[in-house]
Amino acid sequence: MTASEVKKMGFEEALSELESIVNRLESGQITLENAIDSYIRGDSLKKHCEKKLNEAKLKVEKITAEK
């Protein structure tokens, strides 16, 4: 999956994949090269999730400011 595909993911889907990557990394049962690739992918997913959360926060702030 490419970076542009990550941008199309919903928050829950990205978070689920990120959790899966973290579990694989923590298990220590993957090769160094796969660990590096997984880390890079995880970093992209983390940034995407943070962006989605910030967007949601801004929407909530806008809604509450309108009241």
PDB file of N, CA and C in Angstrom:
ATOM      1  N   MET A   1       0.842  -1.175   0.000  1.00  0.00           N
ATOM      2  CA  MET A   1       0.000   0.000   0.000  1.00  0.00           C
ATOM      3  C   MET A   1       0.890   1.242   0.000  1.00  0.00           C
ATOM      4  N   THR A   2       0.562   2.180  -0.843  1.00  0.00           N
ATOM      5  CA  THR A   2       1.375   3.377  -0.987  1.00  0.00           C
ATOM      6  C   THR A   2       0.881   4.485  -0.052  1.00  0.00           C
ATOM      7  N   ALA A   3       1.660   5.566   0.009  1.00  0.00           N
ATOM      8  CA  ALA A   3       1.289   6.708   0.852  1.00  0.00           C
ATOM      9  C   ALA A   3      -0.044   7.302   0.412  1.00  0.00           C
ATOM     10  N   SER A   4      -0.285   7.337  -0.894  1.00  0.00           N
ATOM     11  CA  SER A   4      -1.558   7.890  -1.371  1.00  0.00           C
ATOM     12  C   SER A   4      -2.726   6.997  -0.953  1.00  0.00           C
ATOM     13  N   GLU A   5      -2.489   5.703  -0.858  1.00  0.00           N
ATOM     14  CA  GLU A   5      -3.537   4.797  -0.393  1.00  0.00           C
ATOM     15  C   GLU A   5      -3.802   4.988   1.101  1.00  0.00           C
ATOM     16  N   VAL A   6      -2.766   5.295   1.858  1.00  0.00           N
ATOM     17  CA  VAL A   6      -2.938   5.562   3.288  1.00  0.00           C
ATOM     18  C   VAL A   6      -3.841   6.775   3.465  1.00  0.00           C
ATOM     19  N   LYS A   7      -3.656   7.792   2.644  1.00  0.00           N
ATOM     20  CA  LYS A   7      -4.460   9.010   2.756  1.00  0.00           C
ATOM     21  C   LYS A   7      -5.940   8.740   2.520  1.00  0.00           C
ATOM     22  N   LYS A   8      -6.264   7.696   1.800  1.00  0.00           N
ATOM     23  CA  LYS A   8      -7.654   7.354   1.512  1.00  0.00           C
ATOM     24  C   LYS A   8      -8.292   6.528   2.626  1.00  0.00           C
ATOM     25  N   MET A   9      -7.479   6.056   3.556  1.00  0.00           N
ATOM     26  CA  MET A   9      -7.980   5.193   4.624  1.00  0.00           C
ATOM     27  C   MET A   9      -8.757   5.996   5.650  1.00  0.00           C
ATOM     28  N   GLY A  10      -9.759   5.345   6.219  1.00  0.00           N
ATOM     29  CA  GLY A  10     -10.453   5.935   7.349  1.00  0.00           C
ATOM     30  C   GLY A  10      -9.609   5.780   8.605  1.00  0.00           C
ATOM     31  N   PHE A  11      -9.967   6.513   9.641  1.00  0.00           N
ATOM     32  CA  PHE A  11      -9.209   6.482  10.891  1.00  0.00           C
ATOM     33  C   PHE A  11      -9.145   5.069  11.471  1.00  0.00           C
ATOM     34  N   GLU A  12     -10.291   4.418  11.562  1.00  0.00           N
ATOM     35  CA  GLU A  12     -10.342   3.102  12.197  1.00  0.00           C
ATOM     36  C   GLU A  12      -9.505   2.076  11.445  1.00  0.00           C
ATOM     37  N   GLU A  13      -9.562   2.122  10.119  1.00  0.00           N
ATOM     38  CA  GLU A  13      -8.781   1.189   9.308  1.00  0.00           C
ATOM     39  C   GLU A  13      -7.281   1.422   9.499  1.00  0.00           C
ATOM     40  N   ALA A  14      -6.878   2.694   9.493  1.00  0.00           N
ATOM     41  CA  ALA A  14      -5.464   3.033   9.673  1.00  0.00           C
ATOM     42  C   ALA A  14      -4.984   2.639  11.068  1.00  0.00           C
ATOM     43  N   LEU A  15      -5.814   2.909  12.066  1.00  0.00           N
ATOM     44  CA  LEU A  15      -5.441   2.570  13.441  1.00  0.00           C
ATOM     45  C   LEU A  15      -5.304   1.059  13.612  1.00  0.00           C
ATOM     46  N   SER A  16      -6.205   0.304  13.012  1.00  0.00           N
ATOM     47  CA  SER A  16      -6.140  -1.156  13.096  1.00  0.00           C
ATOM     48  C   SER A  16      -4.856  -1.687  12.476  1.00  0.00           C
ATOM     49  N   GLU A  17      -4.498  -1.160  11.313  1.00  0.00           N
ATOM     50  CA  GLU A  17      -3.254  -1.610  10.675  1.00  0.00           C
ATOM     51  C   GLU A  17      -2.045  -1.204  11.514  1.00  0.00           C
ATOM     52  N   LEU A  18      -2.089   0.001  12.075  1.00  0.00           N
ATOM     53  CA  LEU A  18      -0.986   0.462  12.924  1.00  0.00           C
ATOM     54  C   LEU A  18      -0.827  -0.445  14.137  1.00  0.00           C
ATOM     55  N   GLU A  19      -1.928  -0.822  14.749  1.00  0.00           N
ATOM     56  CA  GLU A  19      -1.867  -1.735  15.898  1.00  0.00           C
ATOM     57  C   GLU A  19      -1.268  -3.080  15.497  1.00  0.00           C
ATOM     58  N   SER A  20      -1.628  -3.553  14.324  1.00  0.00           N
ATOM     59  CA  SER A  20      -1.091  -4.815  13.830  1.00  0.00           C
ATOM     60  C   SER A  20       0.423  -4.721  13.636  1.00  0.00           C
ATOM     61  N   ILE A  21       0.874  -3.617  13.084  1.00  0.00           N
ATOM     62  CA  ILE A  21       2.316  -3.404  12.879  1.00  0.00           C
ATOM     63  C   ILE A  21       3.042  -3.367  14.214  1.00  0.00           C
ATOM     64  N   VAL A  22       2.485  -2.649  15.175  1.00  0.00           N
ATOM     65  CA  VAL A  22       3.113  -2.562  16.497  1.00  0.00           C
ATOM     66  C   VAL A  22       3.224  -3.955  17.116  1.00  0.00           C
ATOM     67  N   ASN A  23       2.174  -4.745  16.997  1.00  0.00           N
ATOM     68  CA  ASN A  23       2.214  -6.111  17.551  1.00  0.00           C
ATOM     69  C   ASN A  23       3.301  -6.953  16.890  1.00  0.00           C
ATOM     70  N   ARG A  24       3.434  -6.847  15.564  1.00  0.00           N
ATOM     71  CA  ARG A  24       4.479  -7.606  14.866  1.00  0.00           C
ATOM     72  C   ARG A  24       5.864  -7.150  15.308  1.00  0.00           C
ATOM     73  N   LEU A  25       6.051  -5.835  15.428  1.00  0.00           N
ATOM     74  CA  LEU A  25       7.355  -5.318  15.846  1.00  0.00           C
ATOM     75  C   LEU A  25       7.688  -5.754  17.272  1.00  0.00           C
ATOM     76  N   GLU A  26       6.690  -5.695  18.148  1.00  0.00           N
ATOM     77  CA  GLU A  26       6.923  -6.075  19.544  1.00  0.00           C
ATOM     78  C   GLU A  26       7.206  -7.565  19.703  1.00  0.00           C
ATOM     79  N   SER A  27       6.686  -8.365  18.773  1.00  0.00           N
ATOM     80  CA  SER A  27       6.893  -9.813  18.880  1.00  0.00           C
ATOM     81  C   SER A  27       8.350 -10.191  18.627  1.00  0.00           C
ATOM     82  N   GLY A  28       9.044  -9.363  17.840  1.00  0.00           N
ATOM     83  CA  GLY A  28      10.437  -9.649  17.538  1.00  0.00           C
ATOM     84  C   GLY A  28      10.614 -10.822  16.583  1.00  0.00           C
ATOM     85  N   GLN A  29       9.553 -11.258  15.958  1.00  0.00           N
ATOM     86  CA  GLN A  29       9.603 -12.436  15.101  1.00  0.00           C
ATOM     87  C   GLN A  29       9.686 -12.092  13.612  1.00  0.00           C
ATOM     88  N   ILE A  30      10.150 -10.882  13.295  1.00  0.00           N
ATOM     89  CA  ILE A  30      10.295 -10.489  11.891  1.00  0.00           C
ATOM     90  C   ILE A  30      11.743 -10.119  11.627  1.00  0.00           C
ATOM     91  N   THR A  31      12.113 -10.167  10.378  1.00  0.00           N
ATOM     92  CA  THR A  31      13.489  -9.834  10.015  1.00  0.00           C
ATOM     93  C   THR A  31      13.737  -8.342  10.189  1.00  0.00           C
ATOM     94  N   LEU A  32      15.001  -7.985  10.242  1.00  0.00           N
ATOM     95  CA  LEU A  32      15.362  -6.584  10.394  1.00  0.00           C
ATOM     96  C   LEU A  32      14.810  -5.746   9.243  1.00  0.00           C
ATOM     97  N   GLU A  33      14.944  -6.249   8.019  1.00  0.00           N
ATOM     98  CA  GLU A  33      14.444  -5.500   6.861  1.00  0.00           C
ATOM     99  C   GLU A  33      12.932  -5.311   6.934  1.00  0.00           C
ATOM    100  N   ASN A  34      12.215  -6.360   7.319  1.00  0.00           N
ATOM    101  CA  ASN A  34      10.758  -6.234   7.476  1.00  0.00           C
ATOM    102  C   ASN A  34      10.404  -5.288   8.612  1.00  0.00           C
ATOM    103  N   ALA A  35      11.199  -5.299   9.666  1.00  0.00           N
ATOM    104  CA  ALA A  35      10.961  -4.396  10.787  1.00  0.00           C
ATOM    105  C   ALA A  35      11.121  -2.950  10.350  1.00  0.00           C
ATOM    106  N   ILE A  36      12.136  -2.679   9.556  1.00  0.00           N
ATOM    107  CA  ILE A  36      12.361  -1.316   9.069  1.00  0.00           C
ATOM    108  C   ILE A  36      11.211  -0.885   8.161  1.00  0.00           C
ATOM    109  N   ASP A  37      10.818  -1.755   7.246  1.00  0.00           N
ATOM    110  CA  ASP A  37       9.690  -1.446   6.360  1.00  0.00           C
ATOM    111  C   ASP A  37       8.409  -1.220   7.160  1.00  0.00           C
ATOM    112  N   SER A  38       8.194  -2.054   8.163  1.00  0.00           N
ATOM    113  CA  SER A  38       7.006  -1.922   9.006  1.00  0.00           C
ATOM    114  C   SER A  38       7.046  -0.622   9.800  1.00  0.00           C
ATOM    115  N   TYR A  39       8.206  -0.258  10.278  1.00  0.00           N
ATOM    116  CA  TYR A  39       8.343   0.987  11.026  1.00  0.00           C
ATOM    117  C   TYR A  39       8.003   2.184  10.135  1.00  0.00           C
ATOM    118  N   ILE A  40       8.509   2.176   8.924  1.00  0.00           N
ATOM    119  CA  ILE A  40       8.226   3.265   7.978  1.00  0.00           C
ATOM    120  C   ILE A  40       6.727   3.336   7.701  1.00  0.00           C
ATOM    121  N   ARG A  41       6.116   2.192   7.452  1.00  0.00           N
ATOM    122  CA  ARG A  41       4.674   2.138   7.202  1.00  0.00           C
ATOM    123  C   ARG A  41       3.910   2.612   8.430  1.00  0.00           C
ATOM    124  N   GLY A  42       4.333   2.180   9.592  1.00  0.00           N
ATOM    125  CA  GLY A  42       3.683   2.583  10.831  1.00  0.00           C
ATOM    126  C   GLY A  42       3.770   4.073  11.069  1.00  0.00           C
ATOM    127  N   ASP A  43       4.896   4.665  10.733  1.00  0.00           N
ATOM    128  CA  ASP A  43       5.059   6.104  10.890  1.00  0.00           C
ATOM    129  C   ASP A  43       4.072   6.857   9.997  1.00  0.00           C
ATOM    130  N   SER A  44       3.911   6.382   8.780  1.00  0.00           N
ATOM    131  CA  SER A  44       2.953   6.993   7.848  1.00  0.00           C
ATOM    132  C   SER A  44       1.528   6.863   8.384  1.00  0.00           C
ATOM    133  N   LEU A  45       1.193   5.700   8.900  1.00  0.00           N
ATOM    134  CA  LEU A  45      -0.143   5.485   9.472  1.00  0.00           C
ATOM    135  C   LEU A  45      -0.371   6.353  10.703  1.00  0.00           C
ATOM    136  N   LYS A  46       0.642   6.486  11.543  1.00  0.00           N
ATOM    137  CA  LYS A  46       0.534   7.317  12.750  1.00  0.00           C
ATOM    138  C   LYS A  46       0.246   8.763  12.377  1.00  0.00           C
ATOM    139  N   LYS A  47       0.975   9.270  11.407  1.00  0.00           N
ATOM    140  CA  LYS A  47       0.765  10.655  10.971  1.00  0.00           C
ATOM    141  C   LYS A  47      -0.632  10.836  10.396  1.00  0.00           C
ATOM    142  N   HIS A  48      -1.097   9.843   9.644  1.00  0.00           N
ATOM    143  CA  HIS A  48      -2.438   9.902   9.066  1.00  0.00           C
ATOM    144  C   HIS A  48      -3.494   9.922  10.178  1.00  0.00           C
ATOM    145  N   CYS A  49      -3.331   9.070  11.174  1.00  0.00           N
ATOM    146  CA  CYS A  49      -4.277   9.030  12.293  1.00  0.00           C
ATOM    147  C   CYS A  49      -4.288  10.353  13.046  1.00  0.00           C
ATOM    148  N   GLU A  50      -3.111  10.918  13.274  1.00  0.00           N
ATOM    149  CA  GLU A  50      -3.027  12.211  13.956  1.00  0.00           C
ATOM    150  C   GLU A  50      -3.755  13.291  13.162  1.00  0.00           C
ATOM    151  N   LYS A  51      -3.593  13.271  11.855  1.00  0.00           N
ATOM    152  CA  LYS A  51      -4.272  14.249  10.998  1.00  0.00           C
ATOM    153  C   LYS A  51      -5.781  14.090  11.103  1.00  0.00           C
ATOM    154  N   LYS A  52      -6.257  12.855  11.039  1.00  0.00           N
ATOM    155  CA  LYS A  52      -7.698  12.593  11.139  1.00  0.00           C
ATOM    156  C   LYS A  52      -8.248  13.044  12.490  1.00  0.00           C
ATOM    157  N   LEU A  53      -7.497  12.792  13.562  1.00  0.00           N
ATOM    158  CA  LEU A  53      -7.938  13.212  14.887  1.00  0.00           C
ATOM    159  C   LEU A  53      -7.997  14.738  14.987  1.00  0.00           C
ATOM    160  N   ASN A  54      -7.005  15.414  14.432  1.00  0.00           N
ATOM    161  CA  ASN A  54      -7.007  16.873  14.456  1.00  0.00           C
ATOM    162  C   ASN A  54      -8.176  17.441  13.664  1.00  0.00           C
ATOM    163  N   GLU A  55      -8.483  16.827  12.515  1.00  0.00           N
ATOM    164  CA  GLU A  55      -9.632  17.259  11.716  1.00  0.00           C
ATOM    165  C   GLU A  55     -10.928  17.093  12.508  1.00  0.00           C
ATOM    166  N   ALA A  56     -11.060  15.977  13.200  1.00  0.00           N
ATOM    167  CA  ALA A  56     -12.258  15.731  14.007  1.00  0.00           C
ATOM    168  C   ALA A  56     -12.350  16.740  15.148  1.00  0.00           C
ATOM    169  N   LYS A  57     -11.231  17.029  15.774  1.00  0.00           N
ATOM    170  CA  LYS A  57     -11.201  17.997  16.877  1.00  0.00           C
ATOM    171  C   LYS A  57     -11.654  19.372  16.386  1.00  0.00           C
ATOM    172  N   LEU A  58     -11.167  19.785  15.214  1.00  0.00           N
ATOM    173  CA  LEU A  58     -11.567  21.079  14.673  1.00  0.00           C
ATOM    174  C   LEU A  58     -13.056  21.123  14.369  1.00  0.00           C
ATOM    175  N   LYS A  59     -13.612  20.040  13.869  1.00  0.00           N
ATOM    176  CA  LYS A  59     -15.042  19.978  13.585  1.00  0.00           C
ATOM    177  C   LYS A  59     -15.847  20.117  14.866  1.00  0.00           C
ATOM    178  N   VAL A  60     -15.427  19.413  15.916  1.00  0.00           N
ATOM    179  CA  VAL A  60     -16.129  19.477  17.203  1.00  0.00           C
ATOM    180  C   VAL A  60     -16.035  20.894  17.766  1.00  0.00           C
ATOM    181  N   GLU A  61     -14.868  21.493  17.696  1.00  0.00           N
ATOM    182  CA  GLU A  61     -14.691  22.861  18.195  1.00  0.00           C
ATOM    183  C   GLU A  61     -15.585  23.838  17.431  1.00  0.00           C
ATOM    184  N   LYS A  62     -15.705  23.635  16.134  1.00  0.00           N
ATOM    185  CA  LYS A  62     -16.559  24.500  15.321  1.00  0.00           C
ATOM    186  C   LYS A  62     -18.026  24.333  15.730  1.00  0.00           C
ATOM    187  N   ILE A  63     -18.442  23.099  15.931  1.00  0.00           N
ATOM    188  CA  ILE A  63     -19.833  22.834  16.319  1.00  0.00           C
ATOM    189  C   ILE A  63     -20.137  23.466  17.677  1.00  0.00           C
ATOM    190  N   THR A  64     -19.227  23.281  18.619  1.00  0.00           N
ATOM    191  CA  THR A  64     -19.487  23.811  19.974  1.00  0.00           C
ATOM    192  C   THR A  64     -19.390  25.329  19.987  1.00  0.00           C
ATOM    193  N   ALA A  65     -18.602  25.930  19.119  1.00  0.00           N
ATOM    194  CA  ALA A  65     -18.486  27.393  19.066  1.00  0.00           C
ATOM    195  C   ALA A  65     -19.735  28.017  18.472  1.00  0.00           C
ATOM    196  N   GLU A  66     -20.469  27.270  17.653  1.00  0.00           N
ATOM    197  CA  GLU A  66     -21.671  27.788  17.016  1.00  0.00           C
ATOM    198  C   GLU A  66     -22.858  27.820  17.966  1.00  0.00           C
ATOM    199  N   LYS A  67     -22.771  27.145  19.074  1.00  0.00           N
ATOM    200  CA  LYS A  67     -23.902  27.072  20.025  1.00  0.00           C
ATOM    201  C   LYS A  67     -23.998  28.313  20.871  1.00  0.00           C
TER     202      LYS A  67
END
